[in-house]
Amino acid sequence: MNIKIKFGQKVKILREAKGLSIENLANISNVDRNYISDIEKGKRNVSIEIIEKIINGLESDFETFFNDKGFKK
């Protein structure tokens, strides 16, 4: 599985676990909702700035997000 798909799946899992819609996460993280939808589908190469906005919007941090299940080898 490629990293774009893994990242998108992780965003979706955490978003849904927090009870957020794509629209909610878009508003919280200041990222366009269509962009978030494309990220979750693995269709976007995401910049580190957008990754930071989304992770903050999910009330997480880089270490937790990337060390959690789904990113371990």
PDB file of N, CA and C in Angstrom:
ATOM      1  N   MET A   1       0.848  -1.171   0.000  1.00  0.00           N
ATOM      2  CA  MET A   1       0.000   0.000   0.000  1.00  0.00           C
ATOM      3  C   MET A   1       0.896   1.238   0.000  1.00  0.00           C
ATOM      4  N   ASN A   2       0.560   2.226  -0.823  1.00  0.00           N
ATOM      5  CA  ASN A   2       1.426   3.403  -0.873  1.00  0.00           C
ATOM      6  C   ASN A   2       1.125   4.373   0.268  1.00  0.00           C
ATOM      7  N   ILE A   3       2.045   5.261   0.509  1.00  0.00           N
ATOM      8  CA  ILE A   3       1.982   6.161   1.666  1.00  0.00           C
ATOM      9  C   ILE A   3       0.808   7.117   1.573  1.00  0.00           C
ATOM     10  N   LYS A   4       0.418   7.549   0.383  1.00  0.00           N
ATOM     11  CA  LYS A   4      -0.734   8.449   0.259  1.00  0.00           C
ATOM     12  C   LYS A   4      -2.010   7.762   0.730  1.00  0.00           C
ATOM     13  N   ILE A   5      -2.157   6.502   0.388  1.00  0.00           N
ATOM     14  CA  ILE A   5      -3.340   5.746   0.813  1.00  0.00           C
ATOM     15  C   ILE A   5      -3.295   5.513   2.323  1.00  0.00           C
ATOM     16  N   LYS A   6      -2.127   5.132   2.847  1.00  0.00           N
ATOM     17  CA  LYS A   6      -1.994   4.920   4.297  1.00  0.00           C
ATOM     18  C   LYS A   6      -2.325   6.190   5.071  1.00  0.00           C
ATOM     19  N   PHE A   7      -1.768   7.305   4.622  1.00  0.00           N
ATOM     20  CA  PHE A   7      -2.008   8.572   5.301  1.00  0.00           C
ATOM     21  C   PHE A   7      -3.499   8.915   5.257  1.00  0.00           C
ATOM     22  N   GLY A   8      -4.100   8.793   4.090  1.00  0.00           N
ATOM     23  CA  GLY A   8      -5.519   9.104   3.942  1.00  0.00           C
ATOM     24  C   GLY A   8      -6.412   8.234   4.804  1.00  0.00           C
ATOM     25  N   GLN A   9      -6.094   6.950   4.872  1.00  0.00           N
ATOM     26  CA  GLN A   9      -6.877   6.042   5.718  1.00  0.00           C
ATOM     27  C   GLN A   9      -6.754   6.421   7.186  1.00  0.00           C
ATOM     28  N   LYS A  10      -5.545   6.792   7.591  1.00  0.00           N
ATOM     29  CA  LYS A  10      -5.322   7.179   8.985  1.00  0.00           C
ATOM     30  C   LYS A  10      -6.107   8.435   9.331  1.00  0.00           C
ATOM     31  N   VAL A  11      -6.102   9.413   8.431  1.00  0.00           N
ATOM     32  CA  VAL A  11      -6.883  10.633   8.650  1.00  0.00           C
ATOM     33  C   VAL A  11      -8.361  10.286   8.805  1.00  0.00           C
ATOM     34  N   LYS A  12      -8.868   9.461   7.913  1.00  0.00           N
ATOM     35  CA  LYS A  12     -10.289   9.095   7.958  1.00  0.00           C
ATOM     36  C   LYS A  12     -10.641   8.354   9.245  1.00  0.00           C
ATOM     37  N   ILE A  13      -9.808   7.405   9.644  1.00  0.00           N
ATOM     38  CA  ILE A  13     -10.057   6.640  10.874  1.00  0.00           C
ATOM     39  C   ILE A  13     -10.106   7.570  12.084  1.00  0.00           C
ATOM     40  N   LEU A  14      -9.135   8.461  12.203  1.00  0.00           N
ATOM     41  CA  LEU A  14      -9.096   9.371  13.346  1.00  0.00           C
ATOM     42  C   LEU A  14     -10.241  10.382  13.297  1.00  0.00           C
ATOM     43  N   ARG A  15     -10.546  10.866  12.105  1.00  0.00           N
ATOM     44  CA  ARG A  15     -11.650  11.818  11.952  1.00  0.00           C
ATOM     45  C   ARG A  15     -12.965  11.187  12.402  1.00  0.00           C
ATOM     46  N   GLU A  16     -13.229   9.979  11.913  1.00  0.00           N
ATOM     47  CA  GLU A  16     -14.470   9.300  12.274  1.00  0.00           C
ATOM     48  C   GLU A  16     -14.496   8.934  13.754  1.00  0.00           C
ATOM     49  N   ALA A  17     -13.364   8.554  14.321  1.00  0.00           N
ATOM     50  CA  ALA A  17     -13.295   8.215  15.746  1.00  0.00           C
ATOM     51  C   ALA A  17     -13.641   9.425  16.617  1.00  0.00           C
ATOM     52  N   LYS A  18     -13.336  10.616  16.113  1.00  0.00           N
ATOM     53  CA  LYS A  18     -13.650  11.832  16.854  1.00  0.00           C
ATOM     54  C   LYS A  18     -15.052  12.343  16.536  1.00  0.00           C
ATOM     55  N   GLY A  19     -15.767  11.641  15.660  1.00  0.00           N
ATOM     56  CA  GLY A  19     -17.126  12.040  15.310  1.00  0.00           C
ATOM     57  C   GLY A  19     -17.193  13.278  14.433  1.00  0.00           C
ATOM     58  N   LEU A  20     -16.126  13.517  13.674  1.00  0.00           N
ATOM     59  CA  LEU A  20     -16.075  14.691  12.810  1.00  0.00           C
ATOM     60  C   LEU A  20     -16.454  14.337  11.379  1.00  0.00           C
ATOM     61  N   SER A  21     -17.177  15.220  10.740  1.00  0.00           N
ATOM     62  CA  SER A  21     -17.400  15.086   9.312  1.00  0.00           C
ATOM     63  C   SER A  21     -16.192  15.690   8.590  1.00  0.00           C
ATOM     64  N   ILE A  22     -16.109  15.449   7.308  1.00  0.00           N
ATOM     65  CA  ILE A  22     -15.038  16.087   6.524  1.00  0.00           C
ATOM     66  C   ILE A  22     -15.169  17.600   6.635  1.00  0.00           C
ATOM     67  N   GLU A  23     -16.398  18.091   6.584  1.00  0.00           N
ATOM     68  CA  GLU A  23     -16.655  19.530   6.704  1.00  0.00           C
ATOM     69  C   GLU A  23     -16.153  20.075   8.037  1.00  0.00           C
ATOM     70  N   ASN A  24     -16.432  19.358   9.133  1.00  0.00           N
ATOM     71  CA  ASN A  24     -15.955  19.786  10.456  1.00  0.00           C
ATOM     72  C   ASN A  24     -14.436  19.872  10.487  1.00  0.00           C
ATOM     73  N   LEU A  25     -13.781  18.810  10.015  1.00  0.00           N
ATOM     74  CA  LEU A  25     -12.317  18.794  10.017  1.00  0.00           C
ATOM     75  C   LEU A  25     -11.765  19.909   9.135  1.00  0.00           C
ATOM     76  N   ALA A  26     -12.407  20.155   8.020  1.00  0.00           N
ATOM     77  CA  ALA A  26     -11.973  21.233   7.123  1.00  0.00           C
ATOM     78  C   ALA A  26     -12.021  22.578   7.845  1.00  0.00           C
ATOM     79  N   ASN A  27     -13.109  22.825   8.545  1.00  0.00           N
ATOM     80  CA  ASN A  27     -13.247  24.087   9.275  1.00  0.00           C
ATOM     81  C   ASN A  27     -12.231  24.212  10.399  1.00  0.00           C
ATOM     82  N   ILE A  28     -12.045  23.144  11.151  1.00  0.00           N
ATOM     83  CA  ILE A  28     -11.107  23.160  12.282  1.00  0.00           C
ATOM     84  C   ILE A  28      -9.667  23.353  11.808  1.00  0.00           C
ATOM     85  N   SER A  29      -9.315  22.657  10.732  1.00  0.00           N
ATOM     86  CA  SER A  29      -7.921  22.655  10.277  1.00  0.00           C
ATOM     87  C   SER A  29      -7.616  23.720   9.229  1.00  0.00           C
ATOM     88  N   ASN A  30      -8.654  24.412   8.762  1.00  0.00           N
ATOM     89  CA  ASN A  30      -8.488  25.442   7.728  1.00  0.00           C
ATOM     90  C   ASN A  30      -7.905  24.860   6.437  1.00  0.00           C
ATOM     91  N   VAL A  31      -8.453  23.699   6.050  1.00  0.00           N
ATOM     92  CA  VAL A  31      -8.082  23.024   4.804  1.00  0.00           C
ATOM     93  C   VAL A  31      -9.378  22.766   4.044  1.00  0.00           C
ATOM     94  N   ASP A  32      -9.382  23.005   2.749  1.00  0.00           N
ATOM     95  CA  ASP A  32     -10.585  22.821   1.938  1.00  0.00           C
ATOM     96  C   ASP A  32     -11.146  21.407   2.078  1.00  0.00           C
ATOM     97  N   ARG A  33     -12.458  21.287   2.191  1.00  0.00           N
ATOM     98  CA  ARG A  33     -13.093  19.983   2.402  1.00  0.00           C
ATOM     99  C   ARG A  33     -12.871  19.030   1.233  1.00  0.00           C
ATOM    100  N   ASN A  34     -12.826  19.551   0.011  1.00  0.00           N
ATOM    101  CA  ASN A  34     -12.563  18.690  -1.148  1.00  0.00           C
ATOM    102  C   ASN A  34     -11.138  18.154  -1.112  1.00  0.00           C
ATOM    103  N   TYR A  35     -10.228  18.964  -0.611  1.00  0.00           N
ATOM    104  CA  TYR A  35      -8.838  18.547  -0.477  1.00  0.00           C
ATOM    105  C   TYR A  35      -8.733  17.423   0.549  1.00  0.00           C
ATOM    106  N   ILE A  36      -9.429  17.572   1.673  1.00  0.00           N
ATOM    107  CA  ILE A  36      -9.422  16.516   2.697  1.00  0.00           C
ATOM    108  C   ILE A  36     -10.032  15.238   2.144  1.00  0.00           C
ATOM    109  N   SER A  37     -11.113  15.359   1.399  1.00  0.00           N
ATOM    110  CA  SER A  37     -11.736  14.189   0.785  1.00  0.00           C
ATOM    111  C   SER A  37     -10.749  13.475  -0.137  1.00  0.00           C
ATOM    112  N   ASP A  38     -10.036  14.239  -0.946  1.00  0.00           N
ATOM    113  CA  ASP A  38      -9.032  13.649  -1.845  1.00  0.00           C
ATOM    114  C   ASP A  38      -7.885  13.010  -1.060  1.00  0.00           C
ATOM    115  N   ILE A  39      -7.491  13.620   0.046  1.00  0.00           N
ATOM    116  CA  ILE A  39      -6.441  13.043   0.895  1.00  0.00           C
ATOM    117  C   ILE A  39      -6.896  11.680   1.411  1.00  0.00           C
ATOM    118  N   GLU A  40      -8.120  11.623   1.917  1.00  0.00           N
ATOM    119  CA  GLU A  40      -8.637  10.368   2.465  1.00  0.00           C
ATOM    120  C   GLU A  40      -8.732   9.277   1.403  1.00  0.00           C
ATOM    121  N   LYS A  41      -8.881   9.659   0.155  1.00  0.00           N
ATOM    122  CA  LYS A  41      -8.947   8.692  -0.948  1.00  0.00           C
ATOM    123  C   LYS A  41      -7.560   8.347  -1.488  1.00  0.00           C
ATOM    124  N   GLY A  42      -6.520   8.979  -0.939  1.00  0.00           N
ATOM    125  CA  GLY A  42      -5.157   8.713  -1.391  1.00  0.00           C
ATOM    126  C   GLY A  42      -4.822   9.357  -2.717  1.00  0.00           C
ATOM    127  N   LYS A  43      -5.518  10.437  -3.048  1.00  0.00           N
ATOM    128  CA  LYS A  43      -5.337  11.087  -4.345  1.00  0.00           C
ATOM    129  C   LYS A  43      -4.438  12.324  -4.314  1.00  0.00           C
ATOM    130  N   ARG A  44      -3.933  12.678  -3.150  1.00  0.00           N
ATOM    131  CA  ARG A  44      -3.147  13.909  -3.031  1.00  0.00           C
ATOM    132  C   ARG A  44      -1.771  13.654  -2.449  1.00  0.00           C
ATOM    133  N   ASN A  45      -0.786  14.367  -2.984  1.00  0.00           N
ATOM    134  CA  ASN A  45       0.517  14.486  -2.335  1.00  0.00           C
ATOM    135  C   ASN A  45       0.369  15.662  -1.387  1.00  0.00           C
ATOM    136  N   VAL A  46       0.537  15.429  -0.119  1.00  0.00           N
ATOM    137  CA  VAL A  46       0.228  16.433   0.886  1.00  0.00           C
ATOM    138  C   VAL A  46       1.511  17.079   1.399  1.00  0.00           C
ATOM    139  N   SER A  47       1.501  18.409   1.472  1.00  0.00           N
ATOM    140  CA  SER A  47       2.663  19.121   1.999  1.00  0.00           C
ATOM    141  C   SER A  47       2.732  18.950   3.514  1.00  0.00           C
ATOM    142  N   ILE A  48       3.897  19.184   4.053  1.00  0.00           N
ATOM    143  CA  ILE A  48       4.094  19.069   5.492  1.00  0.00           C
ATOM    144  C   ILE A  48       3.240  20.093   6.233  1.00  0.00           C
ATOM    145  N   GLU A  49       2.988  21.269   5.628  1.00  0.00           N
ATOM    146  CA  GLU A  49       2.146  22.279   6.258  1.00  0.00           C
ATOM    147  C   GLU A  49       0.701  21.794   6.383  1.00  0.00           C
ATOM    148  N   ILE A  50       0.194  21.137   5.347  1.00  0.00           N
ATOM    149  CA  ILE A  50      -1.173  20.607   5.383  1.00  0.00           C
ATOM    150  C   ILE A  50      -1.250  19.442   6.361  1.00  0.00           C
ATOM    151  N   ILE A  51      -0.229  18.599   6.373  1.00  0.00           N
ATOM    152  CA  ILE A  51      -0.196  17.496   7.342  1.00  0.00           C
ATOM    153  C   ILE A  51      -0.290  18.063   8.757  1.00  0.00           C
ATOM    154  N   GLU A  52       0.468  19.102   9.041  1.00  0.00           N
ATOM    155  CA  GLU A  52       0.431  19.711  10.368  1.00  0.00           C
ATOM    156  C   GLU A  52      -0.959  20.257  10.697  1.00  0.00           C
ATOM    157  N   LYS A  53      -1.583  20.939   9.767  1.00  0.00           N
ATOM    158  CA  LYS A  53      -2.929  21.483   9.995  1.00  0.00           C
ATOM    159  C   LYS A  53      -3.929  20.368  10.303  1.00  0.00           C
ATOM    160  N   ILE A  54      -3.868  19.297   9.541  1.00  0.00           N
ATOM    161  CA  ILE A  54      -4.807  18.188   9.738  1.00  0.00           C
ATOM    162  C   ILE A  54      -4.552  17.491  11.063  1.00  0.00           C
ATOM    163  N   ILE A  55      -3.294  17.209  11.369  1.00  0.00           N
ATOM    164  CA  ILE A  55      -2.975  16.552  12.633  1.00  0.00           C
ATOM    165  C   ILE A  55      -3.413  17.421  13.814  1.00  0.00           C
ATOM    166  N   ASN A  56      -3.180  18.718  13.733  1.00  0.00           N
ATOM    167  CA  ASN A  56      -3.642  19.617  14.796  1.00  0.00           C
ATOM    168  C   ASN A  56      -5.160  19.624  14.875  1.00  0.00           C
ATOM    169  N   GLY A  57      -5.832  19.625  13.729  1.00  0.00           N
ATOM    170  CA  GLY A  57      -7.290  19.590  13.702  1.00  0.00           C
ATOM    171  C   GLY A  57      -7.852  18.321  14.313  1.00  0.00           C
ATOM    172  N   LEU A  58      -7.087  17.251  14.235  1.00  0.00           N
ATOM    173  CA  LEU A  58      -7.487  15.978  14.837  1.00  0.00           C
ATOM    174  C   LEU A  58      -7.064  15.889  16.304  1.00  0.00           C
ATOM    175  N   GLU A  59      -6.510  16.978  16.824  1.00  0.00           N
ATOM    176  CA  GLU A  59      -6.022  17.049  18.206  1.00  0.00           C
ATOM    177  C   GLU A  59      -5.004  15.956  18.496  1.00  0.00           C
ATOM    178  N   SER A  60      -4.093  15.800  17.553  1.00  0.00           N
ATOM    179  CA  SER A  60      -3.024  14.818  17.690  1.00  0.00           C
ATOM    180  C   SER A  60      -1.699  15.550  17.542  1.00  0.00           C
ATOM    181  N   ASP A  61      -0.621  14.791  17.442  1.00  0.00           N
ATOM    182  CA  ASP A  61       0.697  15.348  17.164  1.00  0.00           C
ATOM    183  C   ASP A  61       1.418  14.383  16.225  1.00  0.00           C
ATOM    184  N   PHE A  62       2.520  14.845  15.645  1.00  0.00           N
ATOM    185  CA  PHE A  62       3.233  14.029  14.660  1.00  0.00           C
ATOM    186  C   PHE A  62       3.635  12.671  15.220  1.00  0.00           C
ATOM    187  N   GLU A  63       4.203  12.678  16.418  1.00  0.00           N
ATOM    188  CA  GLU A  63       4.696  11.433  16.995  1.00  0.00           C
ATOM    189  C   GLU A  63       3.571  10.412  17.161  1.00  0.00           C
ATOM    190  N   THR A  64       2.482  10.833  17.749  1.00  0.00           N
ATOM    191  CA  THR A  64       1.358   9.931  17.966  1.00  0.00           C
ATOM    192  C   THR A  64       0.767   9.473  16.640  1.00  0.00           C
ATOM    193  N   PHE A  65       0.564  10.406  15.735  1.00  0.00           N
ATOM    194  CA  PHE A  65      -0.048  10.082  14.451  1.00  0.00           C
ATOM    195  C   PHE A  65       0.765   9.060  13.682  1.00  0.00           C
ATOM    196  N   PHE A  66       2.073   9.273  13.585  1.00  0.00           N
ATOM    197  CA  PHE A  66       2.898   8.402  12.767  1.00  0.00           C
ATOM    198  C   PHE A  66       3.428   7.156  13.484  1.00  0.00           C
ATOM    199  N   ASN A  67       3.375   7.124  14.803  1.00  0.00           N
ATOM    200  CA  ASN A  67       3.805   5.927  15.529  1.00  0.00           C
ATOM    201  C   ASN A  67       2.676   4.974  15.820  1.00  0.00           C
ATOM    202  N   ASP A  68       1.485   5.414  15.575  1.00  0.00           N
ATOM    203  CA  ASP A  68       0.314   4.602  15.845  1.00  0.00           C
ATOM    204  C   ASP A  68       0.150   3.532  14.766  1.00  0.00           C
ATOM    205  N   LYS A  69      -0.724   2.580  15.034  1.00  0.00           N
ATOM    206  CA  LYS A  69      -0.996   1.482  14.099  1.00  0.00           C
ATOM    207  C   LYS A  69      -1.293   2.023  12.699  1.00  0.00           C
ATOM    208  N   GLY A  70      -0.761   1.375  11.709  1.00  0.00           N
ATOM    209  CA  GLY A  70      -0.985   1.792  10.341  1.00  0.00           C
ATOM    210  C   GLY A  70       0.250   2.370   9.684  1.00  0.00           C
ATOM    211  N   PHE A  71       1.209   2.806  10.502  1.00  0.00           N
ATOM    212  CA  PHE A  71       2.443   3.336   9.945  1.00  0.00           C
ATOM    213  C   PHE A  71       3.667   2.552  10.353  1.00  0.00           C
ATOM    214  N   LYS A  72       3.478   1.558  11.215  1.00  0.00           N
ATOM    215  CA  LYS A  72       4.614   0.713  11.592  1.00  0.00           C
ATOM    216  C   LYS A  72       4.921  -0.251  10.452  1.00  0.00           C
ATOM    217  N   LYS A  73       6.177  -0.589  10.328  1.00  0.00           N
ATOM    218  CA  LYS A  73       6.569  -1.532   9.276  1.00  0.00           C
ATOM    219  C   LYS A  73       6.377  -2.933   9.734  1.00  0.00           C
TER     220      LYS A  73
END
